[in-house]
N, C-alpha and C. Protein backbone atom coordinates (compact mmCIF):
# COMPACT_ATOMS: atom_id res chain seq x y z
N UNK A 1 2.30 -0.21 9.09
CA UNK A 1 1.70 0.90 8.73
C UNK A 1 1.76 2.05 7.66
N UNK A 2 1.59 1.83 6.42
CA UNK A 2 1.02 3.30 5.47
C UNK A 2 0.58 4.44 5.58
N UNK A 3 1.14 5.80 5.43
CA UNK A 3 0.69 6.55 6.09
C UNK A 3 -0.38 6.30 4.61
N UNK A 4 -1.61 7.40 4.85
CA UNK A 4 -2.78 7.51 3.67
C UNK A 4 -2.29 7.83 3.09
N UNK A 5 -2.38 7.68 1.18
CA UNK A 5 -2.20 7.97 0.07
C UNK A 5 -2.89 9.67 0.14
N UNK A 6 -2.13 10.57 -0.86
CA UNK A 6 -2.79 12.03 -0.46
C UNK A 6 -3.29 12.22 -2.38
N UNK A 7 -4.68 12.09 -2.39
CA UNK A 7 -5.24 12.27 -3.75
C UNK A 7 -5.46 13.83 -3.43
N UNK A 8 -5.74 14.76 -4.79
CA UNK A 8 -5.93 15.70 -5.03
C UNK A 8 -6.81 15.85 -6.24
N UNK A 9 -7.95 16.10 -5.29
CA UNK A 9 -9.25 15.93 -6.02
C UNK A 9 -9.96 17.19 -7.08
N UNK A 10 -10.16 17.56 -8.04
CA UNK A 10 -10.36 19.06 -8.75
C UNK A 10 -11.77 18.83 -9.22
N UNK A 11 -12.44 19.29 -8.81
CA UNK A 11 -13.77 18.88 -9.09
C UNK A 11 -14.59 20.21 -8.53
N UNK A 12 -15.22 20.94 -9.51
CA UNK A 12 -16.34 21.50 -8.71
C UNK A 12 -17.73 21.65 -9.49
N UNK A 13 -18.33 20.08 -9.37
CA UNK A 13 -19.87 19.79 -9.65
C UNK A 13 -20.47 19.62 -8.55
N UNK A 14 -21.83 19.53 -8.72
CA UNK A 14 -22.75 19.58 -7.23
C UNK A 14 -22.64 18.24 -6.30
N UNK A 15 -21.98 16.88 -7.17
CA UNK A 15 -22.14 15.94 -6.12
C UNK A 15 -20.69 15.89 -6.26
N UNK A 16 -20.05 16.30 -5.75
CA UNK A 16 -18.19 15.92 -5.87
C UNK A 16 -18.15 15.87 -4.53
N UNK A 17 -18.69 15.99 -3.33
CA UNK A 17 -18.84 15.33 -1.66
C UNK A 17 -19.42 14.17 -1.64
N UNK A 18 -19.61 13.70 -2.93
CA UNK A 18 -20.19 11.90 -2.41
C UNK A 18 -18.63 11.35 -3.18
N UNK A 19 -18.10 12.23 -4.20
CA UNK A 19 -16.69 11.44 -4.51
C UNK A 19 -15.44 11.73 -3.24
N UNK A 20 -15.61 12.26 -2.71
CA UNK A 20 -15.02 13.06 -1.39
C UNK A 20 -14.64 12.00 -0.75
N UNK A 21 -15.99 11.50 -0.16
CA UNK A 21 -16.24 10.70 0.91
C UNK A 21 -16.03 9.35 0.52
N UNK A 22 -16.57 9.03 -0.73
CA UNK A 22 -16.09 7.59 -1.17
C UNK A 22 -14.92 7.57 -0.95
N UNK A 23 -13.71 8.19 -1.59
CA UNK A 23 -12.32 8.33 -1.40
C UNK A 23 -12.02 8.43 -0.21
N UNK A 24 -12.49 9.08 0.38
CA UNK A 24 -11.91 9.65 2.34
C UNK A 24 -12.19 7.81 2.63
N UNK A 25 -13.60 7.26 2.79
CA UNK A 25 -14.03 6.27 3.12
C UNK A 25 -13.08 5.14 2.85
N UNK A 26 -11.96 4.96 1.96
CA UNK A 26 -11.48 4.12 1.55
C UNK A 26 -10.10 4.03 2.25
N UNK A 27 -9.84 4.84 2.77
CA UNK A 27 -8.74 5.18 3.53
C UNK A 27 -7.88 6.21 2.79
N UNK A 28 -8.05 7.21 1.67
CA UNK A 28 -7.22 8.06 1.01
C UNK A 28 -7.49 8.90 1.74
N UNK A 29 -6.62 10.02 1.98
CA UNK A 29 -6.71 11.72 2.50
C UNK A 29 -6.92 12.72 1.00
N UNK A 30 -8.07 12.85 0.65
CA UNK A 30 -8.52 13.62 -0.21
C UNK A 30 -8.40 15.33 0.02
N UNK A 31 -7.47 16.30 -0.91
CA UNK A 31 -7.51 17.37 -0.98
C UNK A 31 -8.01 18.00 -1.90
N UNK A 32 -9.35 18.43 -1.70
CA UNK A 32 -10.61 19.30 -2.75
C UNK A 32 -9.65 20.48 -3.57
N UNK A 33 -10.02 20.58 -4.33
CA UNK A 33 -10.04 21.95 -5.27
C UNK A 33 -10.68 22.32 -6.25
N UNK A 34 -11.71 23.15 -6.21
CA UNK A 34 -12.88 23.76 -6.89
C UNK A 34 -12.39 23.83 -8.52
N UNK A 35 -11.32 25.01 -8.72
CA UNK A 35 -10.89 25.14 -10.06
C UNK A 35 -9.10 24.89 -10.41
N UNK A 36 -8.91 24.51 -11.99
CA UNK A 36 -8.51 24.33 -12.04
C UNK A 36 -6.85 25.18 -11.92
N UNK A 37 -6.97 26.40 -11.87
CA UNK A 37 -6.09 27.31 -11.76
C UNK A 37 -5.73 27.24 -10.18
N UNK A 38 -6.53 27.10 -9.19
CA UNK A 38 -5.94 26.80 -8.25
C UNK A 38 -5.56 25.46 -7.71
N UNK A 39 -5.78 24.52 -8.76
CA UNK A 39 -5.15 22.99 -8.51
C UNK A 39 -3.46 23.43 -9.02
N UNK A 40 -3.46 24.00 -10.16
CA UNK A 40 -2.51 24.06 -10.88
C UNK A 40 -0.86 24.67 -9.59
N UNK A 41 -1.68 25.79 -9.03
CA UNK A 41 -0.04 26.01 -8.24
C UNK A 41 0.23 25.34 -7.21
N UNK A 42 -0.98 23.71 -6.64
CA UNK A 42 -0.53 22.98 -6.16
C UNK A 42 -0.26 21.33 -6.43
N UNK A 43 0.08 21.46 -7.69
CA UNK A 43 0.48 20.52 -8.39
C UNK A 43 1.86 20.27 -8.26
N UNK A 44 2.53 20.02 -6.94
CA UNK A 44 3.95 20.29 -6.96
C UNK A 44 4.70 18.72 -7.55
N UNK A 45 5.56 18.91 -8.00
CA UNK A 45 5.60 17.31 -8.44
C UNK A 45 6.06 16.47 -7.24
N UNK A 46 5.57 15.54 -6.76
CA UNK A 46 5.82 14.70 -6.12
C UNK A 46 5.33 15.03 -4.72
N UNK A 47 3.65 16.22 -4.33
CA UNK A 47 3.41 16.34 -3.93
C UNK A 47 1.88 15.47 -3.77
N UNK A 48 1.37 14.65 -4.30
CA UNK A 48 0.81 14.00 -4.40
C UNK A 48 1.05 12.69 -4.92
N UNK A 49 -0.12 12.00 -4.40
CA UNK A 49 0.08 10.45 -5.00
C UNK A 49 -0.45 9.87 -6.13
N UNK A 50 -2.04 11.11 -6.28
CA UNK A 50 -2.86 10.83 -7.17
C UNK A 50 -3.37 12.34 -7.80
N UNK A 51 -3.38 12.70 -8.91
CA UNK A 51 -4.40 13.83 -9.36
C UNK A 51 -5.43 13.47 -9.85
N UNK A 52 -6.81 13.62 -9.40
CA UNK A 52 -8.43 12.89 -10.10
C UNK A 52 -8.91 14.51 -10.20
N UNK A 53 -9.31 14.55 -12.02
CA UNK A 53 -9.31 15.78 -12.59
C UNK A 53 -11.56 15.49 -13.06
N UNK A 54 -12.15 16.10 -12.34
CA UNK A 54 -13.29 15.55 -12.77
C UNK A 54 -13.77 16.72 -13.85
N UNK A 55 -13.77 16.64 -14.94
CA UNK A 55 -14.22 17.03 -16.18
C UNK A 55 -15.65 17.98 -15.98
N UNK A 56 -16.85 16.97 -15.81
CA UNK A 56 -17.86 17.89 -15.36
C UNK A 56 -18.47 18.74 -16.16
N UNK A 57 -18.65 19.66 -16.00
CA UNK A 57 -19.23 20.88 -17.39
C UNK A 57 -18.10 21.75 -18.61
N UNK A 58 -16.72 21.04 -17.75
CA UNK A 58 -15.56 22.06 -18.46
C UNK A 58 -14.67 21.00 -18.74
N UNK A 59 -15.08 20.25 -19.90
CA UNK A 59 -14.62 19.16 -20.63
C UNK A 59 -13.21 19.40 -21.31
N UNK A 60 -13.40 20.44 -21.94
CA UNK A 60 -12.26 21.02 -22.79
C UNK A 60 -11.28 22.03 -21.97
N UNK A 61 -11.56 22.43 -21.26
CA UNK A 61 -10.71 22.99 -20.12
C UNK A 61 -9.65 21.75 -19.16
N UNK A 62 -10.67 20.60 -19.17
CA UNK A 62 -10.18 19.93 -17.85
C UNK A 62 -9.12 18.78 -18.40
N UNK A 63 -9.28 18.32 -19.77
CA UNK A 63 -8.53 18.20 -21.07
C UNK A 63 -7.17 18.31 -21.35
N UNK A 64 -7.19 19.88 -21.67
CA UNK A 64 -6.17 20.59 -22.10
C UNK A 64 -5.39 20.81 -20.50
N UNK A 65 -6.03 20.83 -19.24
CA UNK A 65 -5.23 20.67 -18.31
C UNK A 65 -4.21 19.46 -17.80
N UNK A 66 -5.22 17.92 -18.20
CA UNK A 66 -4.81 17.36 -18.32
C UNK A 66 -3.55 16.68 -18.59
N UNK A 67 -3.51 17.19 -19.90
CA UNK A 67 -2.48 17.27 -20.85
C UNK A 67 -1.19 18.18 -20.87
N UNK A 68 -1.49 19.44 -20.40
CA UNK A 68 -0.25 20.64 -19.60
C UNK A 68 0.14 19.44 -18.81
N UNK A 69 -0.43 18.98 -17.71
CA UNK A 69 -0.17 18.40 -16.57
C UNK A 69 0.84 16.67 -16.95
N UNK A 70 0.47 16.05 -17.91
CA UNK A 70 1.33 14.95 -18.11
C UNK A 70 2.32 15.74 -19.25
N UNK A 71 2.80 16.26 -19.93
CA UNK A 71 3.98 17.43 -20.83
C UNK A 71 4.89 17.63 -19.57
N UNK A 72 4.09 18.03 -18.24
CA UNK A 72 4.89 18.62 -17.76
C UNK A 72 5.82 17.86 -16.30
N UNK A 73 5.14 16.70 -15.71
CA UNK A 73 5.51 15.84 -14.96
C UNK A 73 4.49 14.51 -15.50
N UNK A 74 5.40 13.92 -16.15
CA UNK A 74 5.18 12.54 -17.32
C UNK A 74 4.72 11.11 -16.39
N UNK A 75 5.24 11.47 -14.49
CA UNK A 75 5.58 10.41 -13.91
C UNK A 75 4.27 10.32 -12.74
N UNK A 76 3.86 11.73 -12.94
CA UNK A 76 2.69 12.24 -11.70
C UNK A 76 1.32 11.12 -12.37
N UNK A 77 1.09 10.32 -11.17
CA UNK A 77 0.24 9.36 -11.73
C UNK A 77 -1.50 10.13 -11.77
N UNK A 78 -2.24 10.45 -12.34
CA UNK A 78 -3.39 11.10 -13.12
C UNK A 78 -4.44 10.31 -13.56
N UNK A 79 -5.67 10.89 -13.13
CA UNK A 79 -7.19 10.33 -13.74
C UNK A 79 -7.99 11.33 -14.26
N UNK A 80 -8.69 11.20 -15.10
CA UNK A 80 -9.76 12.11 -15.36
C UNK A 80 -11.01 11.69 -15.98
N UNK A 81 -11.90 11.85 -14.99
CA UNK A 81 -13.25 11.44 -15.33
C UNK A 81 -14.48 12.18 -15.57
N UNK A 82 -15.59 11.90 -15.97
CA UNK A 82 -16.58 12.77 -16.38
C UNK A 82 -16.49 13.14 -17.56
N UNK A 83 -15.56 12.90 -18.40
CA UNK A 83 -16.14 13.75 -19.57
C UNK A 83 -15.26 12.59 -20.83
N UNK A 84 -14.70 13.27 -21.61
CA UNK A 84 -14.68 12.15 -22.97
C UNK A 84 -12.92 12.51 -23.33
N UNK A 85 -12.32 11.34 -22.69
CA UNK A 85 -10.76 11.67 -23.17
C UNK A 85 -10.16 11.25 -24.11
N UNK A 86 -11.29 9.92 -24.44
CA UNK A 86 -11.08 9.01 -26.18
C UNK A 86 -9.95 8.47 -25.24
N UNK A 87 -9.09 7.63 -25.86
CA UNK A 87 -8.17 6.68 -25.50
C UNK A 87 -7.35 6.70 -24.46
N UNK A 88 -7.20 8.19 -23.95
CA UNK A 88 -5.84 8.22 -23.45
C UNK A 88 -5.44 7.31 -21.81
N UNK A 89 -4.75 7.32 -21.46
CA UNK A 89 -4.30 6.09 -20.35
C UNK A 89 -4.61 6.42 -18.97
N UNK A 90 -5.55 7.59 -18.80
CA UNK A 90 -6.06 8.87 -17.66
C UNK A 90 -7.27 8.85 -17.89
N UNK A 91 -7.84 8.05 -18.92
CA UNK A 91 -9.72 8.62 -18.93
C UNK A 91 -9.89 7.33 -17.90
N UNK A 92 -10.85 7.36 -17.50
CA UNK A 92 -12.01 6.57 -16.19
C UNK A 92 -13.25 7.08 -16.91
N UNK A 93 -14.19 6.03 -17.45
CA UNK A 93 -15.50 6.16 -17.63
C UNK A 93 -16.16 6.37 -16.11
N UNK A 94 -17.20 7.28 -17.05
CA UNK A 94 -18.25 8.05 -16.11
C UNK A 94 -18.58 6.96 -14.69
N UNK A 95 -18.80 7.87 -13.50
CA UNK A 95 -19.73 6.43 -12.90
C UNK A 95 -18.52 6.23 -11.36
N UNK A 96 -19.10 6.57 -10.02
CA UNK A 96 -18.79 6.55 -8.86
C UNK A 96 -17.36 5.07 -9.09
N UNK A 97 -18.37 4.13 -9.11
CA UNK A 97 -17.43 2.64 -8.90
C UNK A 97 -16.42 2.80 -9.85
N UNK A 98 -16.30 3.22 -11.12
CA UNK A 98 -15.44 2.96 -11.78
C UNK A 98 -14.02 3.78 -11.35
N UNK A 99 -14.62 5.24 -10.92
CA UNK A 99 -13.69 5.90 -10.35
C UNK A 99 -12.86 5.28 -9.35
N UNK A 100 -13.45 4.57 -8.26
CA UNK A 100 -12.57 4.32 -7.11
C UNK A 100 -12.15 2.76 -7.35
N UNK A 101 -12.24 2.09 -8.91
CA UNK A 101 -11.67 1.14 -8.99
C UNK A 101 -10.91 1.32 -9.40
N UNK A 102 -10.14 2.62 -10.56
CA UNK A 102 -9.21 2.98 -11.12
C UNK A 102 -7.83 3.08 -9.88
N UNK A 103 -9.03 4.02 -9.17
CA UNK A 103 -8.40 4.76 -8.20
C UNK A 103 -7.52 4.01 -7.25
N UNK A 104 -7.97 2.60 -6.52
CA UNK A 104 -7.63 1.32 -6.06
C UNK A 104 -6.71 0.90 -6.94
N UNK A 105 -6.65 0.44 -8.97
CA UNK A 105 -5.76 -0.04 -9.29
C UNK A 105 -4.11 1.12 -9.78
N UNK A 106 -4.90 2.33 -9.62
CA UNK A 106 -3.59 2.99 -9.78
C UNK A 106 -2.51 3.30 -8.71
N UNK A 107 -3.13 3.19 -7.47
CA UNK A 107 -2.48 3.02 -6.05
C UNK A 107 -2.69 1.59 -5.13
N UNK A 108 -1.89 0.83 -5.75
CA UNK A 108 -2.07 -0.33 -5.64
C UNK A 108 -1.30 -1.17 -3.83
N UNK A 109 -2.21 -1.66 -3.06
CA UNK A 109 -1.92 -2.40 -1.98
C UNK A 109 -1.80 -1.20 -0.61
N UNK A 110 -2.63 -0.08 -1.14
CA UNK A 110 -2.58 0.96 -0.28
C UNK A 110 -4.35 0.45 0.40
N UNK A 111 -4.68 0.88 1.45
CA UNK A 111 -5.75 0.94 2.14
C UNK A 111 -7.06 1.02 1.46
N UNK A 112 -6.89 1.76 0.41
CA UNK A 112 -8.01 1.47 -0.81
C UNK A 112 -8.77 0.54 -1.16
N UNK A 113 -7.89 -0.80 -1.76
CA UNK A 113 -7.55 -1.95 -2.17
C UNK A 113 -7.72 -2.93 -1.10
N UNK A 114 -7.62 -2.44 0.23
CA UNK A 114 -7.48 -3.43 1.48
C UNK A 114 -9.29 -3.64 2.06
N UNK A 115 -9.84 -1.96 2.22
CA UNK A 115 -11.20 -1.88 2.24
C UNK A 115 -11.98 -2.95 1.34
N UNK A 116 -11.67 -2.56 0.06
CA UNK A 116 -12.20 -3.06 -0.94
C UNK A 116 -12.74 -4.62 -0.73
N UNK A 117 -11.48 -5.36 -0.73
CA UNK A 117 -11.82 -6.84 -0.51
C UNK A 117 -12.53 -6.71 0.95
N UNK A 118 -12.41 -6.45 2.02
CA UNK A 118 -12.95 -6.83 3.21
C UNK A 118 -14.64 -6.37 3.33
N UNK A 119 -14.95 -5.80 2.15
CA UNK A 119 -16.08 -5.06 1.79
C UNK A 119 -17.27 -6.55 1.19
């Protein structure tokens, strides 16, 4: 049995608990961070299987953070939701279902996809 995949979720929106609960329910271990500055210090190479940035009200800061992270750690799996990231490969359309689908696609063969097929 594989150990749960670790997701760093950077999210300070009022509905963040919904995303945390949904990801946890799918078998992922979620490490929440409220501020990008806090998360920056936690983004060590290899520390997380996936980093999810929820842009919310801070779209410009979230996009700059994602670009910085991509430049420093190009192989780090990264998703950004709740913002306008254009055609960047890490952009996720708005909505919880879109996020869950992309997380499962990014971390294939893990608990999340197994639960999704059982539902």
